[in-house]
């Protein structure tokens, strides 16, 4: 079952949505629903989002192209 709802988007966001829909060959509805699913999931488990950002920052600070992610990943909190 699904419902229809309407939202107001700023022009800049509407244009980004339309561009993404064309590039992904997906409907705008699919993109909006997926974004809401991802956002709501992050609300249920914010610690995973924080950890992902932290790990991303650690990796972005490294510039060793021969280093594997497993070698530099911080797994102390696991």
PDB file of N, CA and C in Angstrom:
ATOM      1  N   UNK A   1       0.835  -1.180   0.000  1.00  0.00           N
ATOM      2  CA  UNK A   1       0.000   0.000   0.000  1.00  0.00           C
ATOM      3  C   UNK A   1       0.879   1.242   0.000  1.00  0.00           C
ATOM      4  N   UNK A   2       0.466   2.255  -0.670  1.00  0.00           N
ATOM      5  CA  UNK A   2       1.202   3.514  -0.671  1.00  0.00           C
ATOM      6  C   UNK A   2       0.208   4.665  -0.664  1.00  0.00           C
ATOM      7  N   UNK A   3       0.723   5.832  -0.285  1.00  0.00           N
ATOM      8  CA  UNK A   3      -0.103   7.031  -0.282  1.00  0.00           C
ATOM      9  C   UNK A   3       0.570   8.093  -1.132  1.00  0.00           C
ATOM     10  N   UNK A   4      -0.197   9.048  -1.538  1.00  0.00           N
ATOM     11  CA  UNK A   4       0.345  10.182  -2.278  1.00  0.00           C
ATOM     12  C   UNK A   4       0.426  11.361  -1.326  1.00  0.00           C
ATOM     13  N   UNK A   5       1.553  12.046  -1.383  1.00  0.00           N
ATOM     14  CA  UNK A   5       1.735  13.236  -0.563  1.00  0.00           C
ATOM     15  C   UNK A   5       2.426  14.286  -1.411  1.00  0.00           C
ATOM     16  N   UNK A   6       2.407  15.496  -0.968  1.00  0.00           N
ATOM     17  CA  UNK A   6       3.092  16.548  -1.722  1.00  0.00           C
ATOM     18  C   UNK A   6       4.048  17.284  -0.786  1.00  0.00           C
ATOM     19  N   UNK A   7       5.115  17.782  -1.370  1.00  0.00           N
ATOM     20  CA  UNK A   7       6.112  18.547  -0.617  1.00  0.00           C
ATOM     21  C   UNK A   7       6.518  19.754  -1.450  1.00  0.00           C
ATOM     22  N   UNK A   8       7.008  20.767  -0.762  1.00  0.00           N
ATOM     23  CA  UNK A   8       7.551  21.942  -1.456  1.00  0.00           C
ATOM     24  C   UNK A   8       9.070  21.816  -1.446  1.00  0.00           C
ATOM     25  N   UNK A   9       9.649  22.005  -2.616  1.00  0.00           N
ATOM     26  CA  UNK A   9      11.106  21.957  -2.747  1.00  0.00           C
ATOM     27  C   UNK A   9      11.600  23.285  -3.286  1.00  0.00           C
ATOM     28  N   UNK A  10      12.717  23.762  -2.764  1.00  0.00           N
ATOM     29  CA  UNK A  10      13.344  24.935  -3.391  1.00  0.00           C
ATOM     30  C   UNK A  10      13.733  24.575  -4.825  1.00  0.00           C
ATOM     31  N   UNK A  11      13.749  25.567  -5.695  1.00  0.00           N
ATOM     32  CA  UNK A  11      14.073  25.313  -7.107  1.00  0.00           C
ATOM     33  C   UNK A  11      15.394  24.576  -7.273  1.00  0.00           C
ATOM     34  N   UNK A  12      16.397  24.955  -6.482  1.00  0.00           N
ATOM     35  CA  UNK A  12      17.712  24.317  -6.634  1.00  0.00           C
ATOM     36  C   UNK A  12      17.637  22.827  -6.309  1.00  0.00           C
ATOM     37  N   UNK A  13      16.889  22.463  -5.268  1.00  0.00           N
ATOM     38  CA  UNK A  13      16.758  21.057  -4.905  1.00  0.00           C
ATOM     39  C   UNK A  13      15.920  20.304  -5.933  1.00  0.00           C
ATOM     40  N   UNK A  14      14.894  20.942  -6.448  1.00  0.00           N
ATOM     41  CA  UNK A  14      14.063  20.325  -7.486  1.00  0.00           C
ATOM     42  C   UNK A  14      14.898  20.008  -8.722  1.00  0.00           C
ATOM     43  N   UNK A  15      15.765  20.945  -9.111  1.00  0.00           N
ATOM     44  CA  UNK A  15      16.614  20.724 -10.283  1.00  0.00           C
ATOM     45  C   UNK A  15      17.601  19.582 -10.036  1.00  0.00           C
ATOM     46  N   UNK A  16      18.169  19.545  -8.824  1.00  0.00           N
ATOM     47  CA  UNK A  16      19.082  18.440  -8.486  1.00  0.00           C
ATOM     48  C   UNK A  16      18.360  17.105  -8.541  1.00  0.00           C
ATOM     49  N   UNK A  17      17.134  17.071  -8.029  1.00  0.00           N
ATOM     50  CA  UNK A  17      16.340  15.845  -8.034  1.00  0.00           C
ATOM     51  C   UNK A  17      16.050  15.397  -9.460  1.00  0.00           C
ATOM     52  N   UNK A  18      15.657  16.325 -10.308  1.00  0.00           N
ATOM     53  CA  UNK A  18      15.367  15.984 -11.700  1.00  0.00           C
ATOM     54  C   UNK A  18      16.614  15.481 -12.428  1.00  0.00           C
ATOM     55  N   UNK A  19      17.740  16.126 -12.180  1.00  0.00           N
ATOM     56  CA  UNK A  19      18.997  15.696 -12.797  1.00  0.00           C
ATOM     57  C   UNK A  19      19.378  14.291 -12.324  1.00  0.00           C
ATOM     58  N   UNK A  20      19.275  14.052 -11.020  1.00  0.00           N
ATOM     59  CA  UNK A  20      19.611  12.735 -10.477  1.00  0.00           C
ATOM     60  C   UNK A  20      18.686  11.669 -11.045  1.00  0.00           C
ATOM     61  N   UNK A  21      17.414  11.968 -11.163  1.00  0.00           N
ATOM     62  CA  UNK A  21      16.456  11.003 -11.710  1.00  0.00           C
ATOM     63  C   UNK A  21      16.829  10.622 -13.141  1.00  0.00           C
ATOM     64  N   UNK A  22      17.221  11.609 -13.925  1.00  0.00           N
ATOM     65  CA  UNK A  22      17.626  11.332 -15.306  1.00  0.00           C
ATOM     66  C   UNK A  22      18.901  10.502 -15.345  1.00  0.00           C
ATOM     67  N   UNK A  23      19.888  10.863 -14.516  1.00  0.00           N
ATOM     68  CA  UNK A  23      21.161  10.149 -14.526  1.00  0.00           C
ATOM     69  C   UNK A  23      21.027   8.717 -14.022  1.00  0.00           C
ATOM     70  N   UNK A  24      20.180   8.522 -13.040  1.00  0.00           N
ATOM     71  CA  UNK A  24      20.009   7.188 -12.454  1.00  0.00           C
ATOM     72  C   UNK A  24      18.964   6.344 -13.175  1.00  0.00           C
ATOM     73  N   UNK A  25      18.240   6.964 -14.112  1.00  0.00           N
ATOM     74  CA  UNK A  25      17.131   6.281 -14.797  1.00  0.00           C
ATOM     75  C   UNK A  25      16.130   5.752 -13.778  1.00  0.00           C
ATOM     76  N   UNK A  26      15.837   6.596 -12.813  1.00  0.00           N
ATOM     77  CA  UNK A  26      14.860   6.281 -11.761  1.00  0.00           C
ATOM     78  C   UNK A  26      13.865   7.431 -11.691  1.00  0.00           C
ATOM     79  N   UNK A  27      12.724   7.140 -11.116  1.00  0.00           N
ATOM     80  CA  UNK A  27      11.729   8.185 -10.928  1.00  0.00           C
ATOM     81  C   UNK A  27      12.079   9.061  -9.734  1.00  0.00           C
ATOM     82  N   UNK A  28      11.582  10.289  -9.760  1.00  0.00           N
ATOM     83  CA  UNK A  28      11.801  11.186  -8.625  1.00  0.00           C
ATOM     84  C   UNK A  28      11.205  10.589  -7.355  1.00  0.00           C
ATOM     85  N   UNK A  29      10.069   9.921  -7.481  1.00  0.00           N
ATOM     86  CA  UNK A  29       9.432   9.291  -6.333  1.00  0.00           C
ATOM     87  C   UNK A  29      10.360   8.259  -5.691  1.00  0.00           C
ATOM     88  N   UNK A  30      11.040   7.466  -6.510  1.00  0.00           N
ATOM     89  CA  UNK A  30      11.951   6.444  -5.973  1.00  0.00           C
ATOM     90  C   UNK A  30      13.084   7.100  -5.191  1.00  0.00           C
ATOM     91  N   UNK A  31      13.659   8.164  -5.740  1.00  0.00           N
ATOM     92  CA  UNK A  31      14.768   8.853  -5.076  1.00  0.00           C
ATOM     93  C   UNK A  31      14.316   9.447  -3.746  1.00  0.00           C
ATOM     94  N   UNK A  32      13.158  10.084  -3.739  1.00  0.00           N
ATOM     95  CA  UNK A  32      12.654  10.686  -2.502  1.00  0.00           C
ATOM     96  C   UNK A  32      12.377   9.603  -1.463  1.00  0.00           C
ATOM     97  N   UNK A  33      11.714   8.525  -1.851  1.00  0.00           N
ATOM     98  CA  UNK A  33      11.410   7.443  -0.913  1.00  0.00           C
ATOM     99  C   UNK A  33      12.691   6.811  -0.374  1.00  0.00           C
ATOM    100  N   UNK A  34      13.687   6.617  -1.231  1.00  0.00           N
ATOM    101  CA  UNK A  34      14.961   6.027  -0.803  1.00  0.00           C
ATOM    102  C   UNK A  34      15.680   6.953   0.175  1.00  0.00           C
ATOM    103  N   UNK A  35      15.659   8.247  -0.106  1.00  0.00           N
ATOM    104  CA  UNK A  35      16.301   9.220   0.786  1.00  0.00           C
ATOM    105  C   UNK A  35      15.631   9.212   2.161  1.00  0.00           C
ATOM    106  N   UNK A  36      14.318   9.116   2.177  1.00  0.00           N
ATOM    107  CA  UNK A  36      13.602   9.075   3.457  1.00  0.00           C
ATOM    108  C   UNK A  36      13.933   7.791   4.203  1.00  0.00           C
ATOM    109  N   UNK A  37      13.981   6.654   3.488  1.00  0.00           N
ATOM    110  CA  UNK A  37      14.352   5.372   4.131  1.00  0.00           C
ATOM    111  C   UNK A  37      15.734   5.458   4.767  1.00  0.00           C
ATOM    112  N   UNK A  38      16.701   5.995   4.041  1.00  0.00           N
ATOM    113  CA  UNK A  38      18.072   6.107   4.548  1.00  0.00           C
ATOM    114  C   UNK A  38      18.114   7.037   5.757  1.00  0.00           C
ATOM    115  N   UNK A  39      17.434   8.151   5.680  1.00  0.00           N
ATOM    116  CA  UNK A  39      17.420   9.109   6.779  1.00  0.00           C
ATOM    117  C   UNK A  39      16.786   8.497   8.031  1.00  0.00           C
ATOM    118  N   UNK A  40      15.653   7.852   7.871  1.00  0.00           N
ATOM    119  CA  UNK A  40      14.979   7.255   9.026  1.00  0.00           C
ATOM    120  C   UNK A  40      15.812   6.128   9.636  1.00  0.00           C
ATOM    121  N   UNK A  41      16.504   5.379   8.802  1.00  0.00           N
ATOM    122  CA  UNK A  41      17.386   4.328   9.313  1.00  0.00           C
ATOM    123  C   UNK A  41      18.519   4.937  10.131  1.00  0.00           C
ATOM    124  N   UNK A  42      19.054   6.076   9.681  1.00  0.00           N
ATOM    125  CA  UNK A  42      20.139   6.717  10.426  1.00  0.00           C
ATOM    126  C   UNK A  42      19.645   7.246  11.769  1.00  0.00           C
ATOM    127  N   UNK A  43      18.377   7.622  11.844  1.00  0.00           N
ATOM    128  CA  UNK A  43      17.813   8.074  13.117  1.00  0.00           C
ATOM    129  C   UNK A  43      17.701   6.930  14.121  1.00  0.00           C
ATOM    130  N   UNK A  44      17.428   5.725  13.616  1.00  0.00           N
ATOM    131  CA  UNK A  44      17.303   4.561  14.500  1.00  0.00           C
ATOM    132  C   UNK A  44      18.652   4.132  15.051  1.00  0.00           C
ATOM    133  N   UNK A  45      19.716   4.364  14.301  1.00  0.00           N
ATOM    134  CA  UNK A  45      21.030   3.914  14.734  1.00  0.00           C
ATOM    135  C   UNK A  45      22.079   4.976  14.416  1.00  0.00           C
ATOM    136  N   UNK A  46      22.047   6.101  15.123  1.00  0.00           N
ATOM    137  CA  UNK A  46      22.969   7.195  14.807  1.00  0.00           C
ATOM    138  C   UNK A  46      24.433   6.847  15.057  1.00  0.00           C
ATOM    139  N   UNK A  47      24.707   5.891  15.925  1.00  0.00           N
ATOM    140  CA  UNK A  47      26.095   5.553  16.216  1.00  0.00           C
ATOM    141  C   UNK A  47      26.800   4.984  14.986  1.00  0.00           C
ATOM    142  N   UNK A  48      26.077   4.272  14.131  1.00  0.00           N
ATOM    143  CA  UNK A  48      26.691   3.750  12.911  1.00  0.00           C
ATOM    144  C   UNK A  48      27.073   4.880  11.963  1.00  0.00           C
ATOM    145  N   UNK A  49      26.217   5.885  11.872  1.00  0.00           N
ATOM    146  CA  UNK A  49      26.511   7.016  11.006  1.00  0.00           C
ATOM    147  C   UNK A  49      27.730   7.778  11.511  1.00  0.00           C
ATOM    148  N   UNK A  50      27.796   7.991  12.803  1.00  0.00           N
ATOM    149  CA  UNK A  50      28.933   8.699  13.398  1.00  0.00           C
ATOM    150  C   UNK A  50      30.214   7.908  13.165  1.00  0.00           C
ATOM    151  N   UNK A  51      30.151   6.600  13.362  1.00  0.00           N
ATOM    152  CA  UNK A  51      31.335   5.756  13.169  1.00  0.00           C
ATOM    153  C   UNK A  51      31.773   5.747  11.708  1.00  0.00           C
ATOM    154  N   UNK A  52      30.824   5.696  10.796  1.00  0.00           N
ATOM    155  CA  UNK A  52      31.157   5.713   9.370  1.00  0.00           C
ATOM    156  C   UNK A  52      31.860   7.018   8.994  1.00  0.00           C
ATOM    157  N   UNK A  53      31.367   8.127   9.515  1.00  0.00           N
ATOM    158  CA  UNK A  53      32.009   9.414   9.237  1.00  0.00           C
ATOM    159  C   UNK A  53      33.408   9.456   9.823  1.00  0.00           C
ATOM    160  N   UNK A  54      33.561   8.909  11.043  1.00  0.00           N
ATOM    161  CA  UNK A  54      34.865   8.903  11.693  1.00  0.00           C
ATOM    162  C   UNK A  54      35.866   8.065  10.897  1.00  0.00           C
ATOM    163  N   UNK A  55      35.439   6.894  10.462  1.00  0.00           N
ATOM    164  CA  UNK A  55      36.312   6.026   9.670  1.00  0.00           C
ATOM    165  C   UNK A  55      36.668   6.697   8.339  1.00  0.00           C
ATOM    166  N   UNK A  56      35.700   7.377   7.736  1.00  0.00           N
ATOM    167  CA  UNK A  56      35.955   8.069   6.480  1.00  0.00           C
ATOM    168  C   UNK A  56      37.003   9.162   6.654  1.00  0.00           C
ATOM    169  N   UNK A  57      36.915   9.874   7.753  1.00  0.00           N
ATOM    170  CA  UNK A  57      37.903  10.927   8.031  1.00  0.00           C
ATOM    171  C   UNK A  57      39.292  10.321   8.232  1.00  0.00           C
ATOM    172  N   UNK A  58      39.373   9.193   8.915  1.00  0.00           N
ATOM    173  CA  UNK A  58      40.667   8.542   9.120  1.00  0.00           C
ATOM    174  C   UNK A  58      41.294   8.141   7.794  1.00  0.00           C
ATOM    175  N   UNK A  59      40.486   7.550   6.924  1.00  0.00           N
ATOM    176  CA  UNK A  59      40.996   7.098   5.632  1.00  0.00           C
ATOM    177  C   UNK A  59      41.397   8.277   4.760  1.00  0.00           C
ATOM    178  N   UNK A  60      40.618   9.357   4.791  1.00  0.00           N
ATOM    179  CA  UNK A  60      40.921  10.499   3.939  1.00  0.00           C
ATOM    180  C   UNK A  60      42.212  11.212   4.363  1.00  0.00           C
ATOM    181  N   UNK A  61      42.638  11.012   5.599  1.00  0.00           N
ATOM    182  CA  UNK A  61      43.864  11.645   6.078  1.00  0.00           C
ATOM    183  C   UNK A  61      45.099  10.871   5.625  1.00  0.00           C
ATOM    184  N   UNK A  62      44.923   9.629   5.216  1.00  0.00           N
ATOM    185  CA  UNK A  62      46.039   8.813   4.751  1.00  0.00           C
ATOM    186  C   UNK A  62      46.280   9.073   3.280  1.00  0.00           C
ATOM    187  N   UNK A  63      47.532   9.032   2.867  1.00  0.00           N
ATOM    188  CA  UNK A  63      47.856   9.217   1.452  1.00  0.00           C
ATOM    189  C   UNK A  63      48.755   8.090   0.952  1.00  0.00           C
ATOM    190  N   UNK A  64      48.708   6.956   1.604  1.00  0.00           N
ATOM    191  CA  UNK A  64      49.527   5.812   1.205  1.00  0.00           C
ATOM    192  C   UNK A  64      48.715   4.936   0.269  1.00  0.00           C
ATOM    193  N   UNK A  65      48.961   5.027  -1.029  1.00  0.00           N
ATOM    194  CA  UNK A  65      48.157   4.274  -1.985  1.00  0.00           C
ATOM    195  C   UNK A  65      48.408   2.776  -1.894  1.00  0.00           C
ATOM    196  N   UNK A  66      49.502   2.344  -1.261  1.00  0.00           N
ATOM    197  CA  UNK A  66      49.768   0.916  -1.120  1.00  0.00           C
ATOM    198  C   UNK A  66      49.186   0.340   0.163  1.00  0.00           C
ATOM    199  N   UNK A  67      48.589   1.162   1.010  1.00  0.00           N
ATOM    200  CA  UNK A  67      48.054   0.703   2.277  1.00  0.00           C
ATOM    201  C   UNK A  67      46.629   0.217   2.096  1.00  0.00           C
ATOM    202  N   UNK A  68      46.339  -0.957   2.610  1.00  0.00           N
ATOM    203  CA  UNK A  68      44.992  -1.487   2.553  1.00  0.00           C
ATOM    204  C   UNK A  68      44.152  -0.886   3.657  1.00  0.00           C
ATOM    205  N   UNK A  69      42.856  -0.763   3.412  1.00  0.00           N
ATOM    206  CA  UNK A  69      41.936  -0.193   4.400  1.00  0.00           C
ATOM    207  C   UNK A  69      42.015  -0.961   5.715  1.00  0.00           C
ATOM    208  N   UNK A  70      42.170  -2.270   5.642  1.00  0.00           N
ATOM    209  CA  UNK A  70      42.239  -3.083   6.859  1.00  0.00           C
ATOM    210  C   UNK A  70      43.434  -2.697   7.730  1.00  0.00           C
ATOM    211  N   UNK A  71      44.487  -2.210   7.112  1.00  0.00           N
ATOM    212  CA  UNK A  71      45.688  -1.833   7.853  1.00  0.00           C
ATOM    213  C   UNK A  71      45.516  -0.530   8.617  1.00  0.00           C
ATOM    214  N   UNK A  72      44.655   0.354   8.123  1.00  0.00           N
ATOM    215  CA  UNK A  72      44.512   1.659   8.766  1.00  0.00           C
ATOM    216  C   UNK A  72      43.176   1.831   9.482  1.00  0.00           C
ATOM    217  N   UNK A  73      42.270   0.860   9.332  1.00  0.00           N
ATOM    218  CA  UNK A  73      40.950   0.971   9.971  1.00  0.00           C
ATOM    219  C   UNK A  73      41.102   0.902  11.485  1.00  0.00           C
ATOM    220  N   UNK A  74      40.358   1.745  12.150  1.00  0.00           N
ATOM    221  CA  UNK A  74      40.352   1.750  13.613  1.00  0.00           C
ATOM    222  C   UNK A  74      39.208   0.858  14.080  1.00  0.00           C
ATOM    223  N   UNK A  75      39.529  -0.308  14.567  1.00  0.00           N
ATOM    224  CA  UNK A  75      38.505  -1.265  14.972  1.00  0.00           C
ATOM    225  C   UNK A  75      38.428  -1.422  16.488  1.00  0.00           C
ATOM    226  N   UNK A  76      39.014  -0.508  17.226  1.00  0.00           N
ATOM    227  CA  UNK A  76      39.021  -0.598  18.693  1.00  0.00           C
ATOM    228  C   UNK A  76      37.607  -0.579  19.267  1.00  0.00           C
ATOM    229  N   UNK A  77      36.703   0.159  18.640  1.00  0.00           N
ATOM    230  CA  UNK A  77      35.355   0.283  19.177  1.00  0.00           C
ATOM    231  C   UNK A  77      34.459  -0.886  18.807  1.00  0.00           C
ATOM    232  N   UNK A  78      34.946  -1.839  18.049  1.00  0.00           N
ATOM    233  CA  UNK A  78      34.128  -2.968  17.599  1.00  0.00           C
ATOM    234  C   UNK A  78      33.988  -3.972  18.672  1.00  0.00           C
TER     235      UNK A  78
END
